[in-house]
Protein backbone atom coordinates (compact mmCIF):
# COMPACT_ATOMS: atom_id res chain seq x y z
CA MET A 1 13.91 -2.21 5.54
CA TYR A 2 12.97 -1.36 1.91
CA GLY A 3 11.04 1.63 0.88
CA LEU A 4 9.28 3.39 -2.03
CA ILE A 5 7.63 6.45 -2.56
CA GLY A 6 6.09 7.27 -5.67
CA LYS A 7 3.65 9.50 -7.54
CA MET A 8 1.29 8.24 -10.09
CA ARG A 9 -1.20 10.03 -12.30
CA ALA A 10 -4.85 8.88 -12.64
CA SER A 11 -6.38 9.66 -15.78
CA ARG A 12 -8.43 12.96 -15.55
CA GLY A 13 -11.59 12.48 -12.99
CA GLN A 14 -10.27 8.95 -12.38
CA ARG A 15 -8.13 9.23 -9.11
CA ASP A 16 -10.82 7.96 -6.73
CA ALA A 17 -11.24 4.78 -8.91
CA VAL A 18 -7.44 4.03 -8.92
CA MET A 19 -7.31 4.80 -5.24
CA ASP A 20 -10.69 2.26 -4.54
CA VAL A 21 -8.39 -0.79 -6.24
CA LEU A 22 -5.32 0.28 -4.50
CA ARG A 23 -7.13 0.40 -0.83
CA THR A 24 -8.77 -3.02 -1.67
CA SER A 25 -5.81 -4.84 -2.99
CA THR A 26 -3.18 -4.05 -0.28
CA GLY A 27 -4.56 -5.37 2.84
CA ALA A 28 -2.34 -8.59 3.37
CA LEU A 29 0.75 -8.27 1.62
CA PRO A 30 3.24 -10.51 3.08
CA GLY A 31 6.46 -8.55 4.08
CA CYS A 32 4.70 -5.03 4.07
CA LEU A 33 5.05 -2.93 6.95
CA SER A 34 3.54 0.00 5.76
CA TYR A 35 1.56 1.04 2.37
CA ILE A 36 -0.06 4.59 2.53
CA ILE A 37 -1.92 5.97 -0.31
CA ALA A 38 -2.26 9.76 -0.19
CA THR A 39 -3.96 12.57 -2.39
CA ASP A 40 -1.98 15.55 -3.71
CA PRO A 41 -3.60 18.82 -2.15
CA VAL A 42 -3.13 20.88 -5.48
CA ASP A 43 -3.30 18.15 -8.08
CA ALA A 44 -6.61 16.51 -8.56
CA ASP A 45 -5.21 13.60 -10.60
CA ALA A 46 -1.94 12.88 -8.48
CA ILE A 47 -1.97 9.72 -6.10
CA TRP A 48 1.24 9.30 -3.94
CA VAL A 49 2.37 6.00 -2.45
CA THR A 50 4.71 5.33 0.41
CA GLU A 51 5.74 1.85 0.84
CA VAL A 52 7.82 0.17 3.65
CA TRP A 53 8.59 -3.59 3.32
CA MET A 54 10.75 -5.92 5.26
CA ASP A 55 13.25 -5.81 2.22
CA GLN A 56 13.30 -5.57 -1.57
CA ALA A 57 12.70 -9.33 -2.04
CA SER A 58 9.33 -9.06 -0.04
CA HIS A 59 8.08 -6.22 -2.38
CA LYS A 60 9.32 -7.84 -5.54
CA ALA A 61 7.53 -11.11 -4.73
CA SER A 62 4.31 -9.38 -4.05
CA LEU A 63 4.22 -8.29 -7.51
CA GLN A 64 3.68 -11.85 -8.69
CA LEU A 65 0.86 -12.55 -6.09
CA PRO A 66 -2.54 -13.08 -8.29
CA GLU A 67 -4.51 -10.60 -6.18
CA VAL A 68 -1.76 -7.88 -6.94
CA GLN A 69 -1.54 -9.08 -10.82
CA ALA A 70 -5.59 -8.69 -10.77
CA ALA A 71 -5.48 -5.18 -9.05
CA ILE A 72 -2.82 -3.91 -11.68
CA ALA A 73 -4.84 -5.24 -14.66
CA LYS A 74 -8.24 -3.57 -13.14
CA ALA A 75 -6.43 0.05 -12.37
CA ARG A 76 -4.37 0.12 -15.45
CA PRO A 77 -7.22 1.47 -17.86
CA PHE A 78 -7.36 4.27 -15.22
CA ILE A 79 -3.66 5.34 -14.74
CA ALA A 80 -2.26 7.76 -16.66
CA GLY A 81 1.25 7.45 -15.96
CA PHE A 82 4.02 7.11 -13.34
CA GLU A 83 5.84 10.43 -12.73
CA PHE A 84 8.56 9.01 -10.31
CA GLN A 85 9.49 6.47 -8.08
CA VAL A 86 12.18 6.90 -5.21
CA GLU A 87 13.85 3.85 -3.39
CA THR A 88 14.70 4.41 0.40
CA HIS A 89 15.88 2.54 3.46
CA PRO A 90 13.71 3.27 6.12
CA VAL A 91 15.10 3.35 9.83
CA GLY A 92 12.34 3.72 11.78
CA GLY A 93 9.81 6.10 13.26
CA PHE A 94 6.46 6.51 14.80
CA GLY A 95 4.29 3.56 13.58
CA LEU A 96 7.05 1.73 12.02
CA VAL A 97 8.22 -1.58 13.62
CA ASP A 98 12.11 -1.55 14.10
CA GLY A 99 13.47 -3.71 11.27
CA LYS A 100 16.03 -5.11 13.75
CA THR A 101 13.64 -6.47 16.31
CA GLY A 102 10.80 -7.24 13.50
């Protein structure tokens, strides 16, 4: 499995607009096992995204999907920047399908 944990910053007052785009564009991504969008309790402009994919290739392929490209274009004006992104290798846990058994 392949995971990403990232923190992005919305332009001031635009966090909900960015999260709306993320929520409406992540419904059916081939190979995506989990896509969690979260607010930061102490930073009104921060958005945390935690993703789990079957593999890195699935994630990379998703970035080329027309609906994902459209979502990126729609959200871009409301995003101030990306603070960091960390790659992980999820091994399982509550709510996550075991990558070995599918």
